[in-house]
Amino acid sequence: MSSLKVLLEDLSRYNDERHVPNSLKYWKHIVRQAYTHPGLLAVVVFRYGGWVRKCRIPILKQIMEAYYHLAYNWVRFRLQIEIPRDTTIGPGFRVDHYGCILINSQSTIGRNVTISQGVLLGGTETGAPTIGSDINCGVGVKIIGAIVLGDCMKIGAGSIVTKSFEGGQIIAGVPARVLRPLLRCPEPNGWVPDANWKPDNCS
C-alpha cells in the first residue's frame, strides 16, 4: 500500500461526521480536526517521515529530511508526542489530542488503532510491544515489554499492561486484567457497545 493511501486511511479515522471522502466538506472537517485533535498533525508528520526515507533523489531528499526533522521536533516538544518514523504502524492510525505520548521505535502496531494522551508503548530488555488491529487505548495507558495484544480490544484509562492478552476483550486496571468480552470493535472515538449488542466481525 502506498504512503498516500495509508495517510488517507489515517485521515478517514477523523471523519467523525461521516462526510463523503475527498469532498469539500470532508477536507474542511479534517482541517477542523487538526485543531481540535492536534494528534492528527503528529500522524501526518510520522507518515511524511516514512515517505521521505523512500525518496531516491539526493538533493530533494536532503531538503525534505531537513523539513521532516523540523516538523518532528515541533511535534515532539510542542505537542509532546514522540512517534519515531521507524515504528511499524498500520493504516487507520489515530492519535487523540496530545501530551506525554511516547511510542518505542521497535513497537509494532496494527490497523485502526487509537491512542490518547499519556499513552506509553515502552520497551524493556525483553523487547517492545506488538499490538493488533482495532484497538483503543484510553488516557494514560502504559503497555510495556515484549508482550502481544490481540485484535479488537479496549484498554481502560490508566491501565498498566505488562502481559499478553488475547483479542476480543476489554481490559483495565493496575496491572491490567480482563473485565469482559468485547462484542464489537471500538469506534474511532473509543465508544464500545454494551451487552445488548450482538457480536460482529471486526472490520
N, C-alpha and C. Protein backbone atom coordinates (compact mmCIF):
# COMPACT_ATOMS: atom_id res chain seq x y z
N MET A 1 0.84 -1.19 0.00
CA MET A 1 0.00 0.00 0.00
C MET A 1 0.88 1.24 0.00
N SER A 2 0.57 2.21 -0.86
CA SER A 2 1.39 3.41 -0.97
C SER A 2 1.23 4.28 0.27
N SER A 3 2.23 5.16 0.48
CA SER A 3 2.21 6.05 1.64
C SER A 3 0.99 6.96 1.62
N LEU A 4 0.59 7.42 0.42
CA LEU A 4 -0.56 8.31 0.32
C LEU A 4 -1.85 7.60 0.73
N LYS A 5 -2.03 6.35 0.26
CA LYS A 5 -3.23 5.61 0.62
C LYS A 5 -3.29 5.34 2.13
N VAL A 6 -2.13 5.06 2.71
CA VAL A 6 -2.09 4.83 4.16
C VAL A 6 -2.48 6.10 4.90
N LEU A 7 -1.95 7.25 4.46
CA LEU A 7 -2.28 8.52 5.10
C LEU A 7 -3.78 8.82 4.96
N LEU A 8 -4.35 8.55 3.80
CA LEU A 8 -5.77 8.80 3.61
C LEU A 8 -6.62 7.92 4.53
N GLU A 9 -6.16 6.69 4.78
CA GLU A 9 -6.87 5.83 5.74
C GLU A 9 -6.76 6.40 7.15
N ASP A 10 -5.59 6.96 7.47
CA ASP A 10 -5.43 7.61 8.78
C ASP A 10 -6.42 8.76 8.91
N LEU A 11 -6.48 9.61 7.90
CA LEU A 11 -7.36 10.77 7.95
C LEU A 11 -8.83 10.37 8.05
N SER A 12 -9.18 9.24 7.42
CA SER A 12 -10.58 8.80 7.46
C SER A 12 -11.01 8.46 8.88
N ARG A 13 -10.08 8.13 9.76
CA ARG A 13 -10.43 7.84 11.16
C ARG A 13 -10.87 9.09 11.91
N TYR A 14 -10.59 10.27 11.34
CA TYR A 14 -11.00 11.53 11.95
C TYR A 14 -12.30 12.06 11.34
N ASN A 15 -12.89 11.30 10.43
CA ASN A 15 -14.12 11.73 9.74
C ASN A 15 -15.33 11.40 10.59
N ASP A 16 -15.43 12.03 11.76
CA ASP A 16 -16.48 11.72 12.72
C ASP A 16 -17.88 12.03 12.20
N GLU A 17 -18.00 12.99 11.31
CA GLU A 17 -19.32 13.39 10.81
C GLU A 17 -19.70 12.65 9.53
N ARG A 18 -18.89 11.67 9.15
CA ARG A 18 -19.19 10.81 8.01
C ARG A 18 -19.40 11.58 6.70
N HIS A 19 -18.55 12.58 6.47
CA HIS A 19 -18.61 13.30 5.21
C HIS A 19 -18.11 12.40 4.08
N VAL A 20 -18.55 12.68 2.87
CA VAL A 20 -18.09 11.92 1.71
C VAL A 20 -16.59 12.16 1.53
N PRO A 21 -15.78 11.10 1.50
CA PRO A 21 -14.33 11.26 1.36
C PRO A 21 -13.95 12.12 0.16
N ASN A 22 -12.97 12.98 0.38
CA ASN A 22 -12.41 13.87 -0.64
C ASN A 22 -13.37 14.96 -1.11
N SER A 23 -14.51 15.10 -0.47
CA SER A 23 -15.40 16.22 -0.78
C SER A 23 -14.89 17.47 -0.07
N LEU A 24 -15.43 18.62 -0.45
CA LEU A 24 -15.01 19.87 0.17
C LEU A 24 -15.35 19.87 1.66
N LYS A 25 -16.53 19.37 2.04
CA LYS A 25 -16.91 19.30 3.45
C LYS A 25 -15.98 18.38 4.23
N TYR A 26 -15.56 17.31 3.56
CA TYR A 26 -14.64 16.36 4.21
C TYR A 26 -13.33 17.06 4.57
N TRP A 27 -12.74 17.76 3.62
CA TRP A 27 -11.44 18.40 3.88
C TRP A 27 -11.58 19.54 4.88
N LYS A 28 -12.70 20.27 4.85
CA LYS A 28 -12.92 21.29 5.86
C LYS A 28 -13.00 20.67 7.25
N HIS A 29 -13.67 19.52 7.31
CA HIS A 29 -13.78 18.81 8.59
C HIS A 29 -12.41 18.34 9.08
N ILE A 30 -11.59 17.83 8.18
CA ILE A 30 -10.25 17.36 8.56
C ILE A 30 -9.40 18.52 9.08
N VAL A 31 -9.50 19.69 8.45
CA VAL A 31 -8.77 20.86 8.93
C VAL A 31 -9.23 21.24 10.33
N ARG A 32 -10.53 21.20 10.59
CA ARG A 32 -11.04 21.49 11.94
C ARG A 32 -10.54 20.45 12.94
N GLN A 33 -10.48 19.19 12.49
CA GLN A 33 -10.00 18.13 13.37
C GLN A 33 -8.53 18.33 13.75
N ALA A 34 -7.75 18.91 12.85
CA ALA A 34 -6.35 19.18 13.16
C ALA A 34 -6.22 20.19 14.30
N TYR A 35 -7.25 21.02 14.45
CA TYR A 35 -7.26 21.99 15.56
C TYR A 35 -7.79 21.36 16.85
N THR A 36 -8.88 20.62 16.74
CA THR A 36 -9.48 20.02 17.94
C THR A 36 -8.76 18.75 18.39
N HIS A 37 -8.11 18.06 17.46
CA HIS A 37 -7.34 16.85 17.78
C HIS A 37 -5.93 17.01 17.20
N PRO A 38 -5.06 17.77 17.87
CA PRO A 38 -3.72 18.05 17.33
C PRO A 38 -2.89 16.81 17.04
N GLY A 39 -3.28 15.68 17.63
CA GLY A 39 -2.55 14.45 17.33
C GLY A 39 -2.57 14.10 15.86
N LEU A 40 -3.55 14.60 15.12
CA LEU A 40 -3.60 14.39 13.68
C LEU A 40 -2.33 14.90 13.01
N LEU A 41 -1.82 16.02 13.49
CA LEU A 41 -0.59 16.58 12.93
C LEU A 41 0.59 15.63 13.14
N ALA A 42 0.62 14.97 14.30
CA ALA A 42 1.69 14.02 14.57
C ALA A 42 1.61 12.83 13.63
N VAL A 43 0.40 12.39 13.31
CA VAL A 43 0.22 11.29 12.36
C VAL A 43 0.73 11.68 10.98
N VAL A 44 0.39 12.89 10.55
CA VAL A 44 0.84 13.35 9.23
C VAL A 44 2.36 13.43 9.17
N VAL A 45 2.97 13.97 10.22
CA VAL A 45 4.43 14.07 10.25
C VAL A 45 5.07 12.68 10.25
N PHE A 46 4.48 11.75 11.00
CA PHE A 46 5.00 10.38 11.02
C PHE A 46 4.97 9.75 9.63
N ARG A 47 3.85 9.86 8.94
CA ARG A 47 3.74 9.28 7.60
C ARG A 47 4.68 9.99 6.62
N TYR A 48 4.79 11.29 6.77
CA TYR A 48 5.70 12.05 5.90
C TYR A 48 7.14 11.58 6.09
N GLY A 49 7.53 11.34 7.34
CA GLY A 49 8.89 10.88 7.61
C GLY A 49 9.18 9.55 6.96
N GLY A 50 8.21 8.65 6.99
CA GLY A 50 8.40 7.35 6.33
C GLY A 50 8.51 7.49 4.83
N TRP A 51 7.73 8.42 4.25
CA TRP A 51 7.78 8.64 2.81
C TRP A 51 9.11 9.25 2.39
N VAL A 52 9.63 10.17 3.20
CA VAL A 52 10.91 10.82 2.88
C VAL A 52 12.03 9.80 2.78
N ARG A 53 12.01 8.80 3.63
CA ARG A 53 13.08 7.80 3.64
C ARG A 53 13.11 7.01 2.34
N LYS A 54 11.99 6.97 1.62
CA LYS A 54 11.94 6.22 0.37
C LYS A 54 12.38 7.05 -0.83
N CYS A 55 12.55 8.34 -0.64
CA CYS A 55 12.94 9.22 -1.74
C CYS A 55 14.33 8.87 -2.25
N ARG A 56 14.50 8.82 -3.57
CA ARG A 56 15.78 8.43 -4.17
C ARG A 56 16.48 9.58 -4.89
N ILE A 57 15.94 10.78 -4.78
CA ILE A 57 16.56 11.96 -5.40
C ILE A 57 17.38 12.68 -4.34
N PRO A 58 18.72 12.62 -4.41
CA PRO A 58 19.58 13.08 -3.31
C PRO A 58 19.29 14.49 -2.81
N ILE A 59 19.29 15.48 -3.68
CA ILE A 59 19.12 16.86 -3.23
C ILE A 59 17.72 17.07 -2.65
N LEU A 60 16.71 16.55 -3.34
CA LEU A 60 15.34 16.67 -2.85
C LEU A 60 15.18 15.98 -1.50
N LYS A 61 15.81 14.82 -1.37
CA LYS A 61 15.71 14.08 -0.11
C LYS A 61 16.32 14.87 1.04
N GLN A 62 17.46 15.54 0.79
CA GLN A 62 18.10 16.33 1.85
C GLN A 62 17.20 17.47 2.30
N ILE A 63 16.54 18.12 1.35
CA ILE A 63 15.64 19.23 1.69
C ILE A 63 14.45 18.71 2.50
N MET A 64 13.87 17.60 2.05
CA MET A 64 12.71 17.06 2.74
C MET A 64 13.09 16.50 4.11
N GLU A 65 14.30 15.93 4.22
CA GLU A 65 14.77 15.45 5.52
C GLU A 65 14.88 16.59 6.52
N ALA A 66 15.40 17.72 6.06
CA ALA A 66 15.53 18.88 6.95
C ALA A 66 14.16 19.34 7.43
N TYR A 67 13.21 19.38 6.51
CA TYR A 67 11.85 19.79 6.88
C TYR A 67 11.23 18.77 7.83
N TYR A 68 11.47 17.48 7.59
CA TYR A 68 10.93 16.46 8.47
C TYR A 68 11.44 16.62 9.89
N HIS A 69 12.75 16.83 10.04
CA HIS A 69 13.32 16.94 11.38
C HIS A 69 12.80 18.18 12.11
N LEU A 70 12.57 19.26 11.37
CA LEU A 70 11.97 20.45 11.99
C LEU A 70 10.55 20.14 12.47
N ALA A 71 9.77 19.47 11.59
CA ALA A 71 8.39 19.14 11.94
C ALA A 71 8.34 18.13 13.09
N TYR A 72 9.23 17.13 13.04
CA TYR A 72 9.25 16.10 14.09
C TYR A 72 9.57 16.72 15.45
N ASN A 73 10.56 17.61 15.48
CA ASN A 73 10.93 18.23 16.75
C ASN A 73 9.84 19.18 17.25
N TRP A 74 9.11 19.83 16.31
CA TRP A 74 7.99 20.67 16.73
C TRP A 74 6.91 19.81 17.39
N VAL A 75 6.60 18.67 16.76
CA VAL A 75 5.61 17.75 17.33
C VAL A 75 6.10 17.20 18.67
N ARG A 76 7.37 16.90 18.73
CA ARG A 76 7.93 16.28 19.93
C ARG A 76 7.92 17.22 21.12
N PHE A 77 8.30 18.49 20.90
CA PHE A 77 8.44 19.41 22.03
C PHE A 77 7.19 20.25 22.27
N ARG A 78 6.47 20.62 21.21
CA ARG A 78 5.28 21.44 21.39
C ARG A 78 4.05 20.60 21.74
N LEU A 79 3.88 19.48 21.06
CA LEU A 79 2.74 18.63 21.32
C LEU A 79 3.06 17.49 22.29
N GLN A 80 4.34 17.29 22.56
CA GLN A 80 4.79 16.21 23.44
C GLN A 80 4.31 14.85 22.94
N ILE A 81 4.51 14.65 21.65
CA ILE A 81 4.20 13.37 21.03
C ILE A 81 5.45 12.87 20.33
N GLU A 82 5.90 11.70 20.70
CA GLU A 82 7.12 11.14 20.11
C GLU A 82 6.80 9.80 19.45
N ILE A 83 6.75 9.84 18.11
CA ILE A 83 6.49 8.63 17.34
C ILE A 83 7.59 8.52 16.28
N PRO A 84 8.65 7.80 16.55
CA PRO A 84 9.74 7.68 15.57
C PRO A 84 9.25 7.06 14.27
N ARG A 85 9.78 7.53 13.17
CA ARG A 85 9.30 7.03 11.88
C ARG A 85 9.71 5.60 11.60
N ASP A 86 10.61 5.03 12.40
CA ASP A 86 10.99 3.62 12.25
C ASP A 86 9.91 2.68 12.78
N THR A 87 8.98 3.21 13.54
CA THR A 87 7.92 2.38 14.13
C THR A 87 7.03 1.79 13.03
N THR A 88 6.66 0.54 13.18
CA THR A 88 5.75 -0.10 12.23
C THR A 88 4.31 0.11 12.70
N ILE A 89 3.56 0.90 11.93
CA ILE A 89 2.18 1.23 12.29
C ILE A 89 1.30 1.04 11.05
N GLY A 90 0.24 0.25 11.18
CA GLY A 90 -0.66 0.01 10.08
C GLY A 90 -1.53 1.21 9.77
N PRO A 91 -2.27 1.16 8.67
CA PRO A 91 -3.15 2.27 8.28
C PRO A 91 -4.31 2.44 9.26
N GLY A 92 -4.91 3.63 9.22
CA GLY A 92 -6.02 3.91 10.13
C GLY A 92 -5.56 4.27 11.53
N PHE A 93 -4.38 4.86 11.65
CA PHE A 93 -3.82 5.23 12.96
C PHE A 93 -4.40 6.57 13.39
N ARG A 94 -4.89 6.63 14.62
CA ARG A 94 -5.48 7.87 15.15
C ARG A 94 -4.86 8.21 16.49
N VAL A 95 -4.41 9.46 16.62
CA VAL A 95 -3.90 9.98 17.89
C VAL A 95 -4.86 11.07 18.35
N ASP A 96 -5.54 10.83 19.46
CA ASP A 96 -6.47 11.81 20.00
C ASP A 96 -5.73 12.80 20.89
N HIS A 97 -5.96 14.09 20.64
CA HIS A 97 -5.41 15.14 21.49
C HIS A 97 -3.88 15.09 21.48
N TYR A 98 -3.24 15.41 22.58
CA TYR A 98 -1.78 15.44 22.60
C TYR A 98 -1.30 15.43 24.04
N GLY A 99 0.02 15.25 24.22
CA GLY A 99 0.62 15.33 25.53
C GLY A 99 1.11 14.00 26.08
N CYS A 100 2.40 13.94 26.36
CA CYS A 100 3.02 12.79 27.04
C CYS A 100 2.75 11.47 26.32
N ILE A 101 2.86 11.47 25.00
CA ILE A 101 2.68 10.25 24.20
C ILE A 101 4.05 9.81 23.70
N LEU A 102 4.41 8.57 23.99
CA LEU A 102 5.71 8.04 23.59
C LEU A 102 5.55 6.62 23.10
N ILE A 103 6.02 6.38 21.88
CA ILE A 103 5.96 5.04 21.29
C ILE A 103 7.37 4.59 20.95
N ASN A 104 7.76 3.46 21.50
CA ASN A 104 9.08 2.91 21.22
C ASN A 104 9.20 2.55 19.74
N SER A 105 10.34 2.85 19.15
CA SER A 105 10.52 2.65 17.71
C SER A 105 10.48 1.18 17.31
N GLN A 106 10.65 0.26 18.27
CA GLN A 106 10.62 -1.16 17.97
C GLN A 106 9.22 -1.76 18.11
N SER A 107 8.26 -0.93 18.49
CA SER A 107 6.89 -1.41 18.63
C SER A 107 6.28 -1.72 17.27
N THR A 108 5.30 -2.62 17.27
CA THR A 108 4.54 -2.95 16.06
C THR A 108 3.07 -2.75 16.35
N ILE A 109 2.40 -1.96 15.51
CA ILE A 109 1.01 -1.59 15.73
C ILE A 109 0.21 -1.94 14.49
N GLY A 110 -0.96 -2.54 14.70
CA GLY A 110 -1.80 -2.96 13.59
C GLY A 110 -2.65 -1.85 13.00
N ARG A 111 -3.73 -2.24 12.31
CA ARG A 111 -4.64 -1.29 11.66
C ARG A 111 -5.65 -0.72 12.65
N ASN A 112 -6.10 0.50 12.35
CA ASN A 112 -7.21 1.12 13.07
C ASN A 112 -6.99 1.12 14.58
N VAL A 113 -5.85 1.63 14.99
CA VAL A 113 -5.51 1.74 16.40
C VAL A 113 -5.63 3.20 16.83
N THR A 114 -6.24 3.43 17.98
CA THR A 114 -6.41 4.78 18.52
C THR A 114 -5.69 4.88 19.85
N ILE A 115 -4.90 5.94 20.01
CA ILE A 115 -4.24 6.20 21.29
C ILE A 115 -4.60 7.61 21.75
N SER A 116 -4.56 7.82 23.06
CA SER A 116 -4.90 9.10 23.65
C SER A 116 -3.70 9.66 24.39
N GLN A 117 -3.92 10.82 25.04
CA GLN A 117 -2.81 11.46 25.75
C GLN A 117 -2.32 10.58 26.89
N GLY A 118 -1.01 10.66 27.13
CA GLY A 118 -0.41 9.90 28.21
C GLY A 118 -0.11 8.45 27.91
N VAL A 119 -0.30 8.03 26.67
CA VAL A 119 -0.07 6.62 26.32
C VAL A 119 1.42 6.37 26.11
N LEU A 120 1.89 5.27 26.66
CA LEU A 120 3.29 4.85 26.51
C LEU A 120 3.33 3.43 25.98
N LEU A 121 4.05 3.23 24.89
CA LEU A 121 4.41 1.89 24.42
C LEU A 121 5.91 1.78 24.62
N GLY A 122 6.29 1.16 25.71
CA GLY A 122 7.69 1.16 26.12
C GLY A 122 8.37 -0.18 25.96
N GLY A 123 9.64 -0.12 25.64
CA GLY A 123 10.44 -1.33 25.51
C GLY A 123 11.23 -1.62 26.77
N THR A 124 11.57 -2.88 26.95
CA THR A 124 12.45 -3.31 28.04
C THR A 124 13.56 -4.15 27.43
N GLU A 125 14.35 -4.79 28.28
CA GLU A 125 15.42 -5.65 27.76
C GLU A 125 14.85 -6.84 27.00
N THR A 126 13.58 -7.16 27.22
CA THR A 126 12.96 -8.28 26.51
C THR A 126 12.43 -7.88 25.13
N GLY A 127 12.23 -6.60 24.91
CA GLY A 127 11.72 -6.14 23.62
C GLY A 127 10.61 -5.12 23.78
N ALA A 128 9.90 -4.85 22.69
CA ALA A 128 8.85 -3.84 22.66
C ALA A 128 7.50 -4.50 22.35
N PRO A 129 6.40 -3.80 22.64
CA PRO A 129 5.07 -4.40 22.44
C PRO A 129 4.71 -4.61 20.97
N THR A 130 3.86 -5.61 20.75
CA THR A 130 3.20 -5.84 19.47
C THR A 130 1.71 -5.83 19.74
N ILE A 131 1.00 -4.87 19.16
CA ILE A 131 -0.43 -4.81 19.40
C ILE A 131 -1.17 -4.98 18.08
N GLY A 132 -2.32 -5.61 18.15
CA GLY A 132 -3.07 -5.96 16.95
C GLY A 132 -3.87 -4.81 16.38
N SER A 133 -4.91 -5.15 15.62
CA SER A 133 -5.75 -4.16 14.94
C SER A 133 -7.02 -3.88 15.73
N ASP A 134 -7.64 -2.74 15.43
CA ASP A 134 -8.91 -2.34 16.05
C ASP A 134 -8.80 -2.30 17.56
N ILE A 135 -7.84 -1.51 18.03
CA ILE A 135 -7.60 -1.36 19.47
C ILE A 135 -7.72 0.10 19.85
N ASN A 136 -8.37 0.37 20.98
CA ASN A 136 -8.48 1.72 21.51
C ASN A 136 -7.81 1.77 22.87
N CYS A 137 -6.81 2.65 23.00
CA CYS A 137 -6.08 2.82 24.25
C CYS A 137 -6.59 4.07 24.95
N GLY A 138 -7.10 3.95 26.15
CA GLY A 138 -7.60 5.08 26.90
C GLY A 138 -6.47 5.97 27.40
N VAL A 139 -6.85 7.06 28.06
CA VAL A 139 -5.88 8.03 28.57
C VAL A 139 -4.95 7.38 29.58
N GLY A 140 -3.65 7.63 29.41
CA GLY A 140 -2.67 7.19 30.40
C GLY A 140 -2.32 5.72 30.39
N VAL A 141 -2.68 5.01 29.33
CA VAL A 141 -2.37 3.58 29.25
C VAL A 141 -0.86 3.38 29.06
N LYS A 142 -0.31 2.42 29.78
CA LYS A 142 1.11 2.06 29.65
C LYS A 142 1.19 0.59 29.23
N ILE A 143 1.81 0.35 28.08
CA ILE A 143 1.99 -1.01 27.56
C ILE A 143 3.50 -1.24 27.48
N ILE A 144 3.99 -2.16 28.26
CA ILE A 144 5.44 -2.25 28.47
C ILE A 144 5.94 -3.67 28.24
N GLY A 145 7.06 -3.77 27.51
CA GLY A 145 7.73 -5.05 27.32
C GLY A 145 7.33 -5.77 26.05
N ALA A 146 7.94 -6.92 25.84
CA ALA A 146 7.71 -7.71 24.63
C ALA A 146 6.43 -8.53 24.78
N ILE A 147 5.31 -7.83 24.86
CA ILE A 147 4.03 -8.52 25.00
C ILE A 147 3.25 -8.42 23.69
N VAL A 148 2.22 -9.25 23.57
CA VAL A 148 1.41 -9.28 22.35
C VAL A 148 -0.05 -9.10 22.75
N LEU A 149 -0.72 -8.14 22.13
CA LEU A 149 -2.14 -7.91 22.35
C LEU A 149 -2.88 -8.27 21.07
N GLY A 150 -3.95 -9.05 21.19
CA GLY A 150 -4.71 -9.47 20.03
C GLY A 150 -5.57 -8.36 19.45
N ASP A 151 -6.34 -8.69 18.42
CA ASP A 151 -7.19 -7.72 17.73
C ASP A 151 -8.46 -7.42 18.54
N CYS A 152 -9.03 -6.27 18.26
CA CYS A 152 -10.32 -5.86 18.82
C CYS A 152 -10.30 -5.81 20.34
N MET A 153 -9.70 -4.74 20.87
CA MET A 153 -9.61 -4.59 22.32
C MET A 153 -9.85 -3.14 22.71
N LYS A 154 -10.36 -2.97 23.90
CA LYS A 154 -10.47 -1.67 24.54
C LYS A 154 -9.66 -1.73 25.81
N ILE A 155 -8.71 -0.77 25.97
CA ILE A 155 -7.86 -0.75 27.16
C ILE A 155 -8.25 0.47 27.98
N GLY A 156 -8.72 0.25 29.19
CA GLY A 156 -9.23 1.32 30.03
C GLY A 156 -8.18 2.32 30.45
N ALA A 157 -8.62 3.53 30.75
CA ALA A 157 -7.73 4.62 31.13
C ALA A 157 -6.90 4.25 32.35
N GLY A 158 -5.63 4.63 32.31
CA GLY A 158 -4.73 4.42 33.44
C GLY A 158 -4.22 3.01 33.61
N SER A 159 -4.53 2.14 32.67
CA SER A 159 -4.11 0.73 32.81
C SER A 159 -2.61 0.57 32.57
N ILE A 160 -2.04 -0.39 33.24
CA ILE A 160 -0.64 -0.77 33.01
C ILE A 160 -0.65 -2.21 32.53
N VAL A 161 -0.23 -2.41 31.30
CA VAL A 161 -0.29 -3.72 30.66
C VAL A 161 1.13 -4.27 30.55
N THR A 162 1.39 -5.37 31.25
CA THR A 162 2.73 -5.96 31.24
C THR A 162 2.71 -7.44 30.84
N LYS A 163 1.55 -7.93 30.40
CA LYS A 163 1.48 -9.30 29.93
C LYS A 163 0.58 -9.36 28.71
N SER A 164 0.69 -10.43 27.95
CA SER A 164 -0.07 -10.59 26.71
C SER A 164 -1.54 -10.92 27.00
N PHE A 165 -2.42 -10.47 26.08
CA PHE A 165 -3.84 -10.77 26.17
C PHE A 165 -4.35 -11.16 24.80
N GLU A 166 -5.32 -12.07 24.78
CA GLU A 166 -5.98 -12.41 23.53
C GLU A 166 -6.93 -11.28 23.14
N GLY A 167 -7.29 -11.24 21.86
CA GLY A 167 -8.18 -10.20 21.37
C GLY A 167 -9.62 -10.40 21.78
N GLY A 168 -10.46 -9.42 21.43
CA GLY A 168 -11.88 -9.51 21.73
C GLY A 168 -12.23 -9.32 23.18
N GLN A 169 -11.46 -8.44 23.90
CA GLN A 169 -11.69 -8.26 25.32
C GLN A 169 -11.54 -6.79 25.70
N ILE A 170 -12.19 -6.44 26.81
CA ILE A 170 -11.94 -5.15 27.45
C ILE A 170 -11.06 -5.41 28.66
N ILE A 171 -9.92 -4.72 28.72
CA ILE A 171 -9.01 -4.91 29.84
C ILE A 171 -8.78 -3.56 30.52
N ALA A 172 -8.49 -3.61 31.81
CA ALA A 172 -8.22 -2.39 32.57
C ALA A 172 -7.62 -2.78 33.91
N GLY A 173 -7.02 -1.78 34.56
CA GLY A 173 -6.50 -1.99 35.91
C GLY A 173 -4.99 -1.90 35.99
N VAL A 174 -4.50 -1.98 37.22
CA VAL A 174 -3.06 -1.95 37.50
C VAL A 174 -2.74 -3.11 38.43
N PRO A 175 -2.19 -4.20 37.92
CA PRO A 175 -1.94 -4.46 36.49
C PRO A 175 -3.26 -4.78 35.75
N ALA A 176 -3.21 -4.69 34.43
CA ALA A 176 -4.41 -4.89 33.63
C ALA A 176 -4.94 -6.32 33.76
N ARG A 177 -6.26 -6.42 33.75
CA ARG A 177 -6.92 -7.73 33.78
C ARG A 177 -8.16 -7.66 32.89
N VAL A 178 -8.70 -8.80 32.55
CA VAL A 178 -9.88 -8.85 31.68
C VAL A 178 -11.12 -8.45 32.47
N LEU A 179 -11.90 -7.50 31.94
CA LEU A 179 -13.16 -7.10 32.56
C LEU A 179 -14.34 -7.85 31.96
N ARG A 180 -14.39 -7.89 30.63
CA ARG A 180 -15.48 -8.62 29.96
C ARG A 180 -15.12 -8.77 28.49
N PRO A 181 -15.81 -9.66 27.79
CA PRO A 181 -15.57 -9.78 26.34
C PRO A 181 -16.00 -8.50 25.62
N LEU A 182 -15.36 -8.23 24.52
CA LEU A 182 -15.71 -7.10 23.67
C LEU A 182 -16.48 -7.63 22.48
N LEU A 183 -17.75 -7.26 22.39
CA LEU A 183 -18.62 -7.83 21.38
C LEU A 183 -18.46 -7.19 20.00
N ARG A 184 -17.92 -6.01 19.96
CA ARG A 184 -17.79 -5.29 18.70
C ARG A 184 -16.57 -4.38 18.80
N CYS A 185 -15.84 -4.23 17.71
CA CYS A 185 -14.62 -3.42 17.74
C CYS A 185 -14.93 -1.98 18.12
N PRO A 186 -14.02 -1.30 18.83
CA PRO A 186 -14.26 0.09 19.23
C PRO A 186 -14.44 1.01 18.02
N GLU A 187 -15.30 2.01 18.17
CA GLU A 187 -15.45 3.04 17.16
C GLU A 187 -14.23 3.95 17.19
N PRO A 188 -14.02 4.78 16.14
CA PRO A 188 -12.88 5.70 16.15
C PRO A 188 -12.82 6.60 17.38
N ASN A 189 -13.99 6.95 17.93
CA ASN A 189 -14.00 7.81 19.12
C ASN A 189 -13.84 7.03 20.42
N GLY A 190 -13.63 5.72 20.33
CA GLY A 190 -13.41 4.89 21.51
C GLY A 190 -14.64 4.25 22.08
N TRP A 191 -15.82 4.59 21.54
CA TRP A 191 -17.07 4.01 22.06
C TRP A 191 -17.09 2.51 21.85
N VAL A 192 -17.58 1.78 22.87
CA VAL A 192 -17.74 0.33 22.77
C VAL A 192 -19.18 -0.02 23.10
N PRO A 193 -19.70 -1.11 22.55
CA PRO A 193 -21.11 -1.47 22.77
C PRO A 193 -21.34 -2.04 24.17
N ASP A 194 -22.60 -2.03 24.57
CA ASP A 194 -22.95 -2.68 25.84
C ASP A 194 -23.36 -4.13 25.58
N ALA A 195 -23.82 -4.78 26.60
CA ALA A 195 -24.10 -6.21 26.49
C ALA A 195 -25.29 -6.53 25.57
N ASN A 196 -26.05 -5.52 25.19
CA ASN A 196 -27.22 -5.76 24.34
C ASN A 196 -26.86 -5.89 22.85
N TRP A 197 -25.62 -5.52 22.52
CA TRP A 197 -25.21 -5.63 21.12
C TRP A 197 -24.91 -7.08 20.76
N LYS A 198 -25.24 -7.43 19.52
CA LYS A 198 -24.90 -8.77 19.02
C LYS A 198 -23.49 -8.75 18.47
N PRO A 199 -22.73 -9.84 18.62
CA PRO A 199 -21.35 -9.88 18.13
C PRO A 199 -21.28 -9.64 16.63
N ASP A 200 -20.29 -8.85 16.24
CA ASP A 200 -19.98 -8.61 14.83
C ASP A 200 -18.54 -9.00 14.59
N ASN A 201 -18.22 -9.27 13.34
CA ASN A 201 -16.83 -9.50 13.00
C ASN A 201 -16.10 -8.17 12.95
N CYS A 202 -14.83 -8.17 13.30
CA CYS A 202 -14.04 -6.96 13.22
C CYS A 202 -13.81 -6.60 11.76
N SER A 203 -13.75 -5.31 11.49
CA SER A 203 -13.52 -4.87 10.12
C SER A 203 -12.06 -5.00 9.76
